[in-house]
Amino acid sequence: RVRPRRFRCGRCGKVFTELFPGIPRWGRLTEHAQQVLLQQLAGRSFRSTAHHLGIGVGVLRRLVLTQVRPRPDLSTMLQNAPEVALSLDEHSFRHQDMAVTVTTVSPQRQVLALLPDDRLRTVEGFFREWPDSARRRVRAVCVDLKDSWRKLVRRALPQASVVADPFHVIQDANRRVDEARRVEQELCRRKIPRWPLVKNQEELTPKQAETLRALYRQYPTLAQFHWAKEQLRAFYRAPTPTQAQTLLDRLLFFLHHAEDAELVRWGRTLRAWKAELLAYHQHRITSAYTEGVHTKIKLLKRLSYGFRNRQMYVRKMLLALVPL
């Protein structure tokens, strides 16, 4: 603890306060103390950190608002990358209120920004704030199967390729297979096991594989849904873009001539996203890192019992995700 002294000039009568290195004018905390408090707060809640260090919660909140930037410095983060690939995904801020996570997934993985809402105007405004030199470096953007995201990327980053995220594509396929299973279950009034249908076929146990073969014999429509899902997985495992296009064309032909209306509708969705599906084999990017960031965000939200203020939420999460 130190108490600054005050002096009066004998010539002009002006009063001034003694200054110390590392202590801002009228400050109550040194710069080193601020860094230590932020480091302690990065992986904890406000109340837990305040109780551990013996300070007030208000001190930590003011420190976050004044020291943590709501947007990282893009010129510093992208200065060594001639070309970058981005991932754009949304996560829940509170219930149905969504926030957007923007990350770089190539050549290095890092969080660029957390946007407080998922409005297209907010996301597009974020990209419009970038300098032209930074926007020209973006070669690809990975998004889920959301047409509004695709249109937004084409407007804000016209030179970048849009890549349909494999995780969301396979997740959508599993959801369609499970819906078909529930429809068949209601029609036959008999329980149909779910796990052999949605689990990766090469990872099935012998008992699950035998159950799957029995389902193929009893439910032809359900077998078609499962076959289409596995063909979609084979498309992503294809070693070359030519083989991948062959597999995708065969799948689209099968879905187009299917007898079930839901299979035809699924084929229309995949056909509308054909270019974005094939773009994966050109850029080889996914949103896996972004999903990992969302897992960490969920943990921090749970530790803090949720947030009410969006700006505080954004800065608190950036404190844990972006180095100071």
C-alpha atoms as a PDB file:
ATOM      1  CA  ARG A   1       0.000   0.000   0.000  1.00  0.00           C
ATOM      2  CA  VAL A   2       1.222   3.463  -0.831  1.00  0.00           C
ATOM      3  CA  ARG A   3      -0.217   6.886  -0.180  1.00  0.00           C
ATOM      4  CA  PRO A   4       0.808   9.511  -2.753  1.00  0.00           C
ATOM      5  CA  ARG A   5       2.075  12.823  -1.358  1.00  0.00           C
ATOM      6  CA  ARG A   6       0.840  16.243  -2.504  1.00  0.00           C
ATOM      7  CA  PHE A   7       3.112  19.208  -3.129  1.00  0.00           C
ATOM      8  CA  ARG A   8       2.617  22.913  -3.734  1.00  0.00           C
ATOM      9  CA  CYS A   9       4.942  24.802  -6.051  1.00  0.00           C
ATOM     10  CA  GLY A  10       6.649  27.624  -4.179  1.00  0.00           C
ATOM     11  CA  ARG A  11       6.818  29.795  -7.275  1.00  0.00           C
ATOM     12  CA  CYS A  12       3.371  29.446  -8.956  1.00  0.00           C
ATOM     13  CA  GLY A  13       1.374  27.944  -6.092  1.00  0.00           C
ATOM     14  CA  LYS A  14       0.066  25.018  -8.193  1.00  0.00           C
ATOM     15  CA  VAL A  15      -0.701  21.792  -6.273  1.00  0.00           C
ATOM     16  CA  PHE A  16       0.309  18.458  -7.803  1.00  0.00           C
ATOM     17  CA  THR A  17       0.326  14.816  -6.686  1.00  0.00           C
ATOM     18  CA  GLU A  18       3.315  12.521  -6.595  1.00  0.00           C
ATOM     19  CA  LEU A  19       3.236   9.919  -9.404  1.00  0.00           C
ATOM     20  CA  PHE A  20       4.449   6.314  -9.158  1.00  0.00           C
ATOM     21  CA  PRO A  21       5.421   4.036 -12.063  1.00  0.00           C
ATOM     22  CA  GLY A  22       2.742   1.463 -12.848  1.00  0.00           C
ATOM     23  CA  ILE A  23      -0.028   3.403 -11.082  1.00  0.00           C
ATOM     24  CA  PRO A  24      -2.407   5.453 -13.256  1.00  0.00           C
ATOM     25  CA  ARG A  25      -3.412   8.924 -12.111  1.00  0.00           C
ATOM     26  CA  TRP A  26      -6.144   8.726  -9.485  1.00  0.00           C
ATOM     27  CA  GLY A  27      -5.938   4.956  -9.727  1.00  0.00           C
ATOM     28  CA  ARG A  28      -6.640   2.541  -6.896  1.00  0.00           C
ATOM     29  CA  LEU A  29      -4.971  -0.458  -8.553  1.00  0.00           C
ATOM     30  CA  THR A  30      -1.578  -0.836 -10.171  1.00  0.00           C
ATOM     31  CA  GLU A  31      -1.317  -2.021 -13.765  1.00  0.00           C
ATOM     32  CA  HIS A  32       0.176  -5.273 -12.511  1.00  0.00           C
ATOM     33  CA  ALA A  33      -2.747  -5.769 -10.131  1.00  0.00           C
ATOM     34  CA  GLN A  34      -5.197  -5.229 -12.971  1.00  0.00           C
ATOM     35  CA  GLN A  35      -3.471  -7.902 -15.056  1.00  0.00           C
ATOM     36  CA  VAL A  36      -3.501 -10.362 -12.153  1.00  0.00           C
ATOM     37  CA  LEU A  37      -7.191  -9.745 -11.467  1.00  0.00           C
ATOM     38  CA  LEU A  38      -8.106 -10.278 -15.127  1.00  0.00           C
ATOM     39  CA  GLN A  39      -6.059 -13.479 -15.288  1.00  0.00           C
ATOM     40  CA  GLN A  40      -7.828 -14.800 -12.187  1.00  0.00           C
ATOM     41  CA  LEU A  41     -11.207 -13.797 -13.609  1.00  0.00           C
ATOM     42  CA  ALA A  42     -10.661 -15.428 -17.012  1.00  0.00           C
ATOM     43  CA  GLY A  43     -11.671 -18.915 -15.882  1.00  0.00           C
ATOM     44  CA  ARG A  44     -13.980 -18.037 -12.974  1.00  0.00           C
ATOM     45  CA  SER A  45     -17.180 -16.241 -12.219  1.00  0.00           C
ATOM     46  CA  PHE A  46     -17.235 -12.681 -10.854  1.00  0.00           C
ATOM     47  CA  ARG A  47     -18.443 -13.734  -7.428  1.00  0.00           C
ATOM     48  CA  SER A  48     -15.966 -16.587  -7.063  1.00  0.00           C
ATOM     49  CA  THR A  49     -13.030 -14.379  -8.053  1.00  0.00           C
ATOM     50  CA  ALA A  50     -14.119 -11.574  -5.740  1.00  0.00           C
ATOM     51  CA  HIS A  51     -14.476 -13.993  -2.808  1.00  0.00           C
ATOM     52  CA  HIS A  52     -11.090 -15.590  -3.509  1.00  0.00           C
ATOM     53  CA  LEU A  53      -9.204 -12.280  -3.749  1.00  0.00           C
ATOM     54  CA  GLY A  54     -11.156 -10.377  -1.110  1.00  0.00           C
ATOM     55  CA  ILE A  55     -12.364  -7.536  -3.339  1.00  0.00           C
ATOM     56  CA  GLY A  56     -15.735  -6.323  -4.526  1.00  0.00           C
ATOM     57  CA  VAL A  57     -17.614  -7.627  -7.541  1.00  0.00           C
ATOM     58  CA  GLY A  58     -18.059  -4.055  -8.779  1.00  0.00           C
ATOM     59  CA  VAL A  59     -14.290  -3.611  -9.002  1.00  0.00           C
ATOM     60  CA  LEU A  60     -14.039  -6.610 -11.336  1.00  0.00           C
ATOM     61  CA  ARG A  61     -16.965  -5.472 -13.465  1.00  0.00           C
ATOM     62  CA  ARG A  62     -15.501  -1.998 -13.939  1.00  0.00           C
ATOM     63  CA  LEU A  63     -12.154  -3.559 -14.748  1.00  0.00           C
ATOM     64  CA  VAL A  64     -13.676  -5.757 -17.452  1.00  0.00           C
ATOM     65  CA  LEU A  65     -15.541  -2.827 -19.000  1.00  0.00           C
ATOM     66  CA  THR A  66     -12.446  -0.625 -19.096  1.00  0.00           C
ATOM     67  CA  GLN A  67      -9.674  -3.124 -19.914  1.00  0.00           C
ATOM     68  CA  VAL A  68     -11.251  -5.772 -22.179  1.00  0.00           C
ATOM     69  CA  ARG A  69     -11.871  -4.726 -25.764  1.00  0.00           C
ATOM     70  CA  PRO A  70     -15.234  -5.696 -27.240  1.00  0.00           C
ATOM     71  CA  ARG A  71     -13.489  -6.339 -30.579  1.00  0.00           C
ATOM     72  CA  PRO A  72      -9.915  -7.701 -30.894  1.00  0.00           C
ATOM     73  CA  ASP A  73      -7.396  -5.866 -33.056  1.00  0.00           C
ATOM     74  CA  LEU A  74      -7.774  -7.499 -36.470  1.00  0.00           C
ATOM     75  CA  SER A  75      -4.663  -5.882 -37.946  1.00  0.00           C
ATOM     76  CA  THR A  76      -2.542  -7.595 -35.284  1.00  0.00           C
ATOM     77  CA  MET A  77      -4.310 -10.961 -35.462  1.00  0.00           C
ATOM     78  CA  LEU A  78      -4.250 -11.224 -39.260  1.00  0.00           C
ATOM     79  CA  GLN A  79      -0.972  -9.498 -40.060  1.00  0.00           C
ATOM     80  CA  ASN A  80       1.045 -12.707 -40.638  1.00  0.00           C
ATOM     81  CA  ALA A  81      -1.590 -14.602 -42.629  1.00  0.00           C
ATOM     82  CA  PRO A  82      -1.700 -14.049 -46.410  1.00  0.00           C
ATOM     83  CA  GLU A  83      -4.976 -16.021 -46.582  1.00  0.00           C
ATOM     84  CA  VAL A  84      -7.400 -16.944 -43.809  1.00  0.00           C
ATOM     85  CA  ALA A  85     -10.479 -19.126 -43.514  1.00  0.00           C
ATOM     86  CA  LEU A  86     -13.290 -18.159 -41.159  1.00  0.00           C
ATOM     87  CA  SER A  87     -16.038 -19.991 -39.336  1.00  0.00           C
ATOM     88  CA  LEU A  88     -19.362 -18.341 -38.561  1.00  0.00           C
ATOM     89  CA  ASP A  89     -21.761 -19.929 -36.086  1.00  0.00           C
ATOM     90  CA  GLU A  90     -24.323 -18.914 -33.489  1.00  0.00           C
ATOM     91  CA  HIS A  91     -24.778 -19.963 -29.883  1.00  0.00           C
ATOM     92  CA  SER A  92     -27.323 -19.240 -27.170  1.00  0.00           C
ATOM     93  CA  PHE A  93     -26.825 -16.150 -25.031  1.00  0.00           C
ATOM     94  CA  ARG A  94     -29.980 -16.823 -23.023  1.00  0.00           C
ATOM     95  CA  HIS A  95     -32.757 -19.195 -24.056  1.00  0.00           C
ATOM     96  CA  GLN A  96     -33.698 -18.261 -27.631  1.00  0.00           C
ATOM     97  CA  ASP A  97     -31.565 -15.099 -27.702  1.00  0.00           C
ATOM     98  CA  MET A  98     -28.561 -15.940 -29.842  1.00  0.00           C
ATOM     99  CA  ALA A  99     -25.051 -14.548 -30.172  1.00  0.00           C
ATOM    100  CA  VAL A 100     -22.597 -15.098 -33.029  1.00  0.00           C
ATOM    101  CA  THR A 101     -19.051 -16.431 -32.816  1.00  0.00           C
ATOM    102  CA  VAL A 102     -16.540 -15.509 -35.529  1.00  0.00           C
ATOM    103  CA  THR A 103     -13.290 -17.508 -35.570  1.00  0.00           C
ATOM    104  CA  THR A 104     -10.366 -18.167 -37.883  1.00  0.00           C
ATOM    105  CA  VAL A 105      -9.834 -21.868 -38.569  1.00  0.00           C
ATOM    106  CA  SER A 106      -6.892 -21.617 -40.976  1.00  0.00           C
ATOM    107  CA  PRO A 107      -3.908 -21.137 -40.922  1.00  0.00           C
ATOM    108  CA  GLN A 108      -4.289 -20.737 -37.134  1.00  0.00           C
ATOM    109  CA  ARG A 109      -7.283 -21.058 -34.834  1.00  0.00           C
ATOM    110  CA  GLN A 110      -8.376 -18.072 -32.813  1.00  0.00           C
ATOM    111  CA  VAL A 111     -11.483 -16.154 -31.846  1.00  0.00           C
ATOM    112  CA  LEU A 112     -12.002 -12.957 -33.801  1.00  0.00           C
ATOM    113  CA  ALA A 113     -15.161 -11.639 -32.193  1.00  0.00           C
ATOM    114  CA  LEU A 114     -18.320 -12.414 -30.249  1.00  0.00           C
ATOM    115  CA  LEU A 115     -21.238 -10.456 -31.629  1.00  0.00           C
ATOM    116  CA  PRO A 116     -24.002  -9.648 -29.103  1.00  0.00           C
ATOM    117  CA  ASP A 117     -26.885 -10.809 -31.357  1.00  0.00           C
ATOM    118  CA  ASP A 118     -27.493 -12.823 -34.521  1.00  0.00           C
ATOM    119  CA  ARG A 119     -29.095 -10.104 -36.617  1.00  0.00           C
ATOM    120  CA  LEU A 120     -27.826 -10.042 -40.173  1.00  0.00           C
ATOM    121  CA  ARG A 121     -27.296  -6.295 -39.907  1.00  0.00           C
ATOM    122  CA  THR A 122     -24.972  -6.791 -36.932  1.00  0.00           C
ATOM    123  CA  VAL A 123     -22.924  -9.523 -38.596  1.00  0.00           C
ATOM    124  CA  GLU A 124     -22.667  -7.717 -41.915  1.00  0.00           C
ATOM    125  CA  GLY A 125     -21.720  -4.493 -40.137  1.00  0.00           C
ATOM    126  CA  PHE A 126     -18.898  -6.343 -38.397  1.00  0.00           C
ATOM    127  CA  PHE A 127     -17.432  -7.439 -41.726  1.00  0.00           C
ATOM    128  CA  ARG A 128     -17.944  -3.972 -43.231  1.00  0.00           C
ATOM    129  CA  GLU A 129     -15.764  -2.526 -40.464  1.00  0.00           C
ATOM    130  CA  TRP A 130     -12.796  -4.554 -41.684  1.00  0.00           C
ATOM    131  CA  PRO A 131     -10.263  -2.769 -43.873  1.00  0.00           C
ATOM    132  CA  ASP A 132     -10.250  -3.834 -47.514  1.00  0.00           C
ATOM    133  CA  SER A 133      -6.845  -5.464 -47.114  1.00  0.00           C
ATOM    134  CA  ALA A 134      -8.207  -7.769 -44.375  1.00  0.00           C
ATOM    135  CA  ARG A 135     -11.372  -8.670 -46.295  1.00  0.00           C
ATOM    136  CA  ARG A 136      -9.369  -9.608 -49.378  1.00  0.00           C
ATOM    137  CA  ARG A 137      -7.419 -12.163 -47.325  1.00  0.00           C
ATOM    138  CA  VAL A 138     -10.506 -14.246 -46.533  1.00  0.00           C
ATOM    139  CA  ARG A 139     -10.557 -17.210 -48.928  1.00  0.00           C
ATOM    140  CA  ALA A 140     -13.381 -19.277 -47.389  1.00  0.00           C
ATOM    141  CA  VAL A 141     -16.103 -19.066 -44.733  1.00  0.00           C
ATOM    142  CA  CYS A 142     -17.561 -22.173 -43.070  1.00  0.00           C
ATOM    143  CA  VAL A 143     -21.258 -21.898 -42.161  1.00  0.00           C
ATOM    144  CA  ASP A 144     -24.130 -24.222 -41.321  1.00  0.00           C
ATOM    145  CA  LEU A 145     -27.048 -24.921 -43.671  1.00  0.00           C
ATOM    146  CA  LYS A 146     -28.605 -21.511 -43.239  1.00  0.00           C
ATOM    147  CA  ASP A 147     -29.374 -19.640 -46.435  1.00  0.00           C
ATOM    148  CA  SER A 148     -29.226 -16.221 -44.741  1.00  0.00           C
ATOM    149  CA  TRP A 149     -25.590 -16.865 -43.710  1.00  0.00           C
ATOM    150  CA  ARG A 150     -24.724 -17.846 -47.278  1.00  0.00           C
ATOM    151  CA  LYS A 151     -26.252 -14.694 -48.736  1.00  0.00           C
ATOM    152  CA  LEU A 152     -24.579 -12.543 -46.080  1.00  0.00           C
ATOM    153  CA  VAL A 153     -21.117 -13.930 -46.859  1.00  0.00           C
ATOM    154  CA  ARG A 154     -21.637 -13.387 -50.564  1.00  0.00           C
ATOM    155  CA  ARG A 155     -22.549  -9.746 -49.933  1.00  0.00           C
ATOM    156  CA  ALA A 156     -19.882  -8.872 -47.374  1.00  0.00           C
ATOM    157  CA  LEU A 157     -17.047 -11.106 -48.672  1.00  0.00           C
ATOM    158  CA  PRO A 158     -17.770 -11.664 -52.378  1.00  0.00           C
ATOM    159  CA  GLN A 159     -14.331 -13.139 -53.109  1.00  0.00           C
ATOM    160  CA  ALA A 160     -14.636 -15.842 -50.409  1.00  0.00           C
ATOM    161  CA  SER A 161     -15.988 -19.349 -50.983  1.00  0.00           C
ATOM    162  CA  VAL A 162     -18.833 -20.584 -48.785  1.00  0.00           C
ATOM    163  CA  VAL A 163     -18.262 -24.035 -47.259  1.00  0.00           C
ATOM    164  CA  ALA A 164     -21.108 -26.076 -45.767  1.00  0.00           C
ATOM    165  CA  ASP A 165     -19.916 -27.336 -42.396  1.00  0.00           C
ATOM    166  CA  PRO A 166     -19.695 -31.175 -42.371  1.00  0.00           C
ATOM    167  CA  PHE A 167     -20.722 -31.365 -38.717  1.00  0.00           C
ATOM    168  CA  HIS A 168     -24.028 -29.589 -39.349  1.00  0.00           C
ATOM    169  CA  VAL A 169     -24.657 -31.528 -42.580  1.00  0.00           C
ATOM    170  CA  ILE A 170     -24.272 -34.912 -40.852  1.00  0.00           C
ATOM    171  CA  GLN A 171     -26.236 -33.625 -37.858  1.00  0.00           C
ATOM    172  CA  ASP A 172     -29.078 -32.698 -40.223  1.00  0.00           C
ATOM    173  CA  ALA A 173     -28.852 -36.158 -41.817  1.00  0.00           C
ATOM    174  CA  ASN A 174     -29.099 -37.894 -38.431  1.00  0.00           C
ATOM    175  CA  ARG A 175     -32.088 -35.727 -37.560  1.00  0.00           C
ATOM    176  CA  ARG A 176     -33.878 -36.787 -40.763  1.00  0.00           C
ATOM    177  CA  VAL A 177     -33.101 -40.458 -40.137  1.00  0.00           C
ATOM    178  CA  ASP A 178     -34.438 -40.174 -36.591  1.00  0.00           C
ATOM    179  CA  GLU A 179     -37.628 -38.466 -37.821  1.00  0.00           C
ATOM    180  CA  ALA A 180     -38.170 -41.290 -40.298  1.00  0.00           C
ATOM    181  CA  ARG A 181     -37.628 -43.801 -37.474  1.00  0.00           C
ATOM    182  CA  ARG A 182     -40.281 -42.112 -35.332  1.00  0.00           C
ATOM    183  CA  VAL A 183     -42.755 -42.067 -38.216  1.00  0.00           C
ATOM    184  CA  GLU A 184     -42.251 -45.801 -38.813  1.00  0.00           C
ATOM    185  CA  GLN A 185     -42.526 -46.406 -35.087  1.00  0.00           C
ATOM    186  CA  GLU A 186     -45.906 -44.686 -34.925  1.00  0.00           C
ATOM    187  CA  LEU A 187     -47.188 -46.596 -37.950  1.00  0.00           C
ATOM    188  CA  CYS A 188     -46.183 -50.050 -36.787  1.00  0.00           C
ATOM    189  CA  ARG A 189     -46.772 -49.300 -33.078  1.00  0.00           C
ATOM    190  CA  ARG A 190     -43.528 -51.021 -32.208  1.00  0.00           C
ATOM    191  CA  LYS A 191     -40.365 -49.579 -30.681  1.00  0.00           C
ATOM    192  CA  ILE A 192     -37.528 -49.163 -33.205  1.00  0.00           C
ATOM    193  CA  PRO A 193     -34.019 -48.755 -31.726  1.00  0.00           C
ATOM    194  CA  ARG A 194     -32.407 -45.443 -32.557  1.00  0.00           C
ATOM    195  CA  TRP A 195     -28.714 -45.975 -31.910  1.00  0.00           C
ATOM    196  CA  PRO A 196     -27.970 -48.493 -34.741  1.00  0.00           C
ATOM    197  CA  LEU A 197     -29.377 -45.962 -37.228  1.00  0.00           C
ATOM    198  CA  VAL A 198     -27.591 -42.778 -36.150  1.00  0.00           C
ATOM    199  CA  LYS A 199     -24.272 -44.294 -35.052  1.00  0.00           C
ATOM    200  CA  ASN A 200     -21.448 -44.486 -37.607  1.00  0.00           C
ATOM    201  CA  GLN A 201     -21.869 -47.789 -39.393  1.00  0.00           C
ATOM    202  CA  GLU A 202     -18.225 -48.840 -39.048  1.00  0.00           C
ATOM    203  CA  GLU A 203     -18.415 -48.323 -35.276  1.00  0.00           C
ATOM    204  CA  LEU A 204     -21.407 -50.606 -34.650  1.00  0.00           C
ATOM    205  CA  THR A 205     -20.991 -53.542 -32.336  1.00  0.00           C
ATOM    206  CA  PRO A 206     -21.847 -57.021 -33.749  1.00  0.00           C
ATOM    207  CA  LYS A 207     -25.195 -56.950 -31.970  1.00  0.00           C
ATOM    208  CA  GLN A 208     -26.013 -53.452 -33.288  1.00  0.00           C
ATOM    209  CA  ALA A 209     -24.967 -54.497 -36.815  1.00  0.00           C
ATOM    210  CA  GLU A 210     -27.346 -57.479 -36.658  1.00  0.00           C
ATOM    211  CA  THR A 211     -30.134 -55.143 -35.450  1.00  0.00           C
ATOM    212  CA  LEU A 212     -29.430 -52.806 -38.354  1.00  0.00           C
ATOM    213  CA  ARG A 213     -29.672 -55.656 -40.883  1.00  0.00           C
ATOM    214  CA  ALA A 214     -33.008 -56.643 -39.381  1.00  0.00           C
ATOM    215  CA  LEU A 215     -34.247 -53.052 -39.694  1.00  0.00           C
ATOM    216  CA  TYR A 216     -33.203 -53.030 -43.349  1.00  0.00           C
ATOM    217  CA  ARG A 217     -35.346 -56.107 -44.000  1.00  0.00           C
ATOM    218  CA  GLN A 218     -38.403 -54.883 -42.077  1.00  0.00           C
ATOM    219  CA  TYR A 219     -38.457 -51.169 -43.002  1.00  0.00           C
ATOM    220  CA  PRO A 220     -37.366 -50.416 -46.607  1.00  0.00           C
ATOM    221  CA  THR A 221     -38.021 -46.671 -46.332  1.00  0.00           C
ATOM    222  CA  LEU A 222     -35.966 -46.404 -43.163  1.00  0.00           C
ATOM    223  CA  ALA A 223     -33.201 -48.353 -44.903  1.00  0.00           C
ATOM    224  CA  GLN A 224     -33.153 -45.747 -47.687  1.00  0.00           C
ATOM    225  CA  PHE A 225     -32.762 -42.913 -45.188  1.00  0.00           C
ATOM    226  CA  HIS A 226     -29.898 -44.706 -43.461  1.00  0.00           C
ATOM    227  CA  TRP A 227     -28.184 -45.517 -46.773  1.00  0.00           C
ATOM    228  CA  ALA A 228     -28.386 -41.866 -47.830  1.00  0.00           C
ATOM    229  CA  LYS A 229     -26.866 -40.769 -44.525  1.00  0.00           C
ATOM    230  CA  GLU A 230     -23.966 -43.202 -44.907  1.00  0.00           C
ATOM    231  CA  GLN A 231     -23.402 -42.098 -48.500  1.00  0.00           C
ATOM    232  CA  LEU A 232     -23.162 -38.525 -47.279  1.00  0.00           C
ATOM    233  CA  ARG A 233     -20.504 -39.600 -44.764  1.00  0.00           C
ATOM    234  CA  ALA A 234     -18.655 -41.432 -47.550  1.00  0.00           C
ATOM    235  CA  PHE A 235     -18.756 -38.224 -49.595  1.00  0.00           C
ATOM    236  CA  TYR A 236     -16.827 -36.392 -46.886  1.00  0.00           C
ATOM    237  CA  ARG A 237     -14.292 -39.239 -46.593  1.00  0.00           C
ATOM    238  CA  ALA A 238     -13.579 -39.271 -50.333  1.00  0.00           C
ATOM    239  CA  PRO A 239      -9.832 -38.812 -50.985  1.00  0.00           C
ATOM    240  CA  THR A 240     -10.187 -36.636 -54.104  1.00  0.00           C
ATOM    241  CA  PRO A 241     -12.660 -33.969 -55.253  1.00  0.00           C
ATOM    242  CA  THR A 242     -13.502 -36.045 -58.354  1.00  0.00           C
ATOM    243  CA  GLN A 243     -14.534 -39.075 -56.317  1.00  0.00           C
ATOM    244  CA  ALA A 244     -16.462 -36.828 -53.938  1.00  0.00           C
ATOM    245  CA  GLN A 245     -18.435 -35.297 -56.804  1.00  0.00           C
ATOM    246  CA  THR A 246     -19.217 -38.752 -58.171  1.00  0.00           C
ATOM    247  CA  LEU A 247     -20.574 -39.888 -54.799  1.00  0.00           C
ATOM    248  CA  LEU A 248     -22.610 -36.715 -54.368  1.00  0.00           C
ATOM    249  CA  ASP A 249     -24.109 -36.957 -57.856  1.00  0.00           C
ATOM    250  CA  ARG A 250     -25.110 -40.566 -57.216  1.00  0.00           C
ATOM    251  CA  LEU A 251     -26.724 -39.599 -53.905  1.00  0.00           C
ATOM    252  CA  LEU A 252     -28.630 -36.697 -55.467  1.00  0.00           C
ATOM    253  CA  PHE A 253     -29.858 -38.941 -58.302  1.00  0.00           C
ATOM    254  CA  PHE A 254     -31.088 -41.511 -55.770  1.00  0.00           C
ATOM    255  CA  LEU A 255     -32.886 -38.908 -53.650  1.00  0.00           C
ATOM    256  CA  HIS A 256     -34.455 -37.241 -56.697  1.00  0.00           C
ATOM    257  CA  HIS A 257     -36.073 -40.532 -57.823  1.00  0.00           C
ATOM    258  CA  ALA A 258     -37.024 -41.762 -54.338  1.00  0.00           C
ATOM    259  CA  GLU A 259     -40.639 -42.669 -53.602  1.00  0.00           C
ATOM    260  CA  ASP A 260     -40.716 -41.044 -50.158  1.00  0.00           C
ATOM    261  CA  ALA A 261     -41.522 -37.312 -50.223  1.00  0.00           C
ATOM    262  CA  GLU A 262     -39.127 -36.532 -47.365  1.00  0.00           C
ATOM    263  CA  LEU A 263     -36.234 -38.113 -49.250  1.00  0.00           C
ATOM    264  CA  VAL A 264     -37.053 -35.971 -52.294  1.00  0.00           C
ATOM    265  CA  ARG A 265     -37.186 -32.868 -50.093  1.00  0.00           C
ATOM    266  CA  TRP A 266     -33.833 -33.790 -48.557  1.00  0.00           C
ATOM    267  CA  GLY A 267     -32.388 -34.157 -52.036  1.00  0.00           C
ATOM    268  CA  ARG A 268     -33.594 -30.679 -52.979  1.00  0.00           C
ATOM    269  CA  THR A 269     -31.826 -29.225 -49.936  1.00  0.00           C
ATOM    270  CA  LEU A 270     -28.558 -30.978 -50.797  1.00  0.00           C
ATOM    271  CA  ARG A 271     -28.838 -29.942 -54.431  1.00  0.00           C
ATOM    272  CA  ALA A 272     -29.310 -26.297 -53.399  1.00  0.00           C
ATOM    273  CA  TRP A 273     -26.091 -26.573 -51.351  1.00  0.00           C
ATOM    274  CA  LYS A 274     -24.141 -28.674 -53.864  1.00  0.00           C
ATOM    275  CA  ALA A 275     -21.480 -26.035 -54.559  1.00  0.00           C
ATOM    276  CA  GLU A 276     -20.945 -25.412 -50.844  1.00  0.00           C
ATOM    277  CA  LEU A 277     -20.726 -29.160 -50.151  1.00  0.00           C
ATOM    278  CA  LEU A 278     -18.093 -29.639 -52.838  1.00  0.00           C
ATOM    279  CA  ALA A 279     -16.177 -26.601 -51.575  1.00  0.00           C
ATOM    280  CA  TYR A 280     -15.215 -28.623 -48.507  1.00  0.00           C
ATOM    281  CA  HIS A 281     -12.899 -30.796 -50.631  1.00  0.00           C
ATOM    282  CA  GLN A 282     -11.196 -27.670 -51.934  1.00  0.00           C
ATOM    283  CA  HIS A 283     -10.588 -25.895 -48.612  1.00  0.00           C
ATOM    284  CA  ARG A 284     -10.885 -28.714 -46.022  1.00  0.00           C
ATOM    285  CA  ILE A 285     -12.201 -26.547 -43.203  1.00  0.00           C
ATOM    286  CA  THR A 286     -14.835 -27.254 -40.572  1.00  0.00           C
ATOM    287  CA  SER A 287     -16.358 -25.446 -37.609  1.00  0.00           C
ATOM    288  CA  ALA A 288     -14.971 -27.960 -35.098  1.00  0.00           C
ATOM    289  CA  TYR A 289     -12.871 -25.281 -33.373  1.00  0.00           C
ATOM    290  CA  THR A 290     -15.894 -22.989 -33.149  1.00  0.00           C
ATOM    291  CA  GLU A 291     -17.951 -25.749 -31.552  1.00  0.00           C
ATOM    292  CA  GLY A 292     -15.145 -26.236 -29.027  1.00  0.00           C
ATOM    293  CA  VAL A 293     -15.290 -22.520 -28.244  1.00  0.00           C
ATOM    294  CA  HIS A 294     -19.027 -22.861 -27.664  1.00  0.00           C
ATOM    295  CA  THR A 295     -18.387 -25.709 -25.224  1.00  0.00           C
ATOM    296  CA  LYS A 296     -16.074 -23.474 -23.199  1.00  0.00           C
ATOM    297  CA  ILE A 297     -18.606 -20.636 -23.326  1.00  0.00           C
ATOM    298  CA  LYS A 298     -21.315 -22.944 -21.966  1.00  0.00           C
ATOM    299  CA  LEU A 299     -19.026 -23.929 -19.095  1.00  0.00           C
ATOM    300  CA  LEU A 300     -18.292 -20.299 -18.200  1.00  0.00           C
ATOM    301  CA  LYS A 301     -21.986 -19.417 -18.404  1.00  0.00           C
ATOM    302  CA  ARG A 302     -22.801 -22.279 -16.067  1.00  0.00           C
ATOM    303  CA  LEU A 303     -20.148 -21.163 -13.588  1.00  0.00           C
ATOM    304  CA  SER A 304     -21.583 -17.648 -13.624  1.00  0.00           C
ATOM    305  CA  TYR A 305     -25.249 -18.785 -13.460  1.00  0.00           C
ATOM    306  CA  GLY A 306     -25.967 -16.879 -16.664  1.00  0.00           C
ATOM    307  CA  PHE A 307     -25.650 -13.238 -17.733  1.00  0.00           C
ATOM    308  CA  ARG A 308     -28.129 -10.411 -18.128  1.00  0.00           C
ATOM    309  CA  ASN A 309     -26.031  -7.705 -19.764  1.00  0.00           C
ATOM    310  CA  ARG A 310     -24.987  -8.569 -23.310  1.00  0.00           C
ATOM    311  CA  GLN A 311     -21.952  -6.294 -23.400  1.00  0.00           C
ATOM    312  CA  MET A 312     -20.680  -7.691 -20.109  1.00  0.00           C
ATOM    313  CA  TYR A 313     -21.267 -11.189 -21.447  1.00  0.00           C
ATOM    314  CA  VAL A 314     -19.266 -10.497 -24.623  1.00  0.00           C
ATOM    315  CA  ARG A 315     -16.330  -8.970 -22.753  1.00  0.00           C
ATOM    316  CA  LYS A 316     -16.280 -11.689 -20.098  1.00  0.00           C
ATOM    317  CA  MET A 317     -16.160 -14.435 -22.730  1.00  0.00           C
ATOM    318  CA  LEU A 318     -13.501 -12.638 -24.751  1.00  0.00           C
ATOM    319  CA  LEU A 319     -11.430 -12.364 -21.592  1.00  0.00           C
ATOM    320  CA  ALA A 320     -11.362 -16.173 -21.394  1.00  0.00           C
ATOM    321  CA  LEU A 321     -10.959 -16.811 -25.133  1.00  0.00           C
ATOM    322  CA  VAL A 322      -8.630 -14.082 -26.419  1.00  0.00           C
ATOM    323  CA  PRO A 323      -5.198 -13.491 -24.793  1.00  0.00           C
ATOM    324  CA  LEU A 324      -4.821 -10.104 -23.123  1.00  0.00           C
END
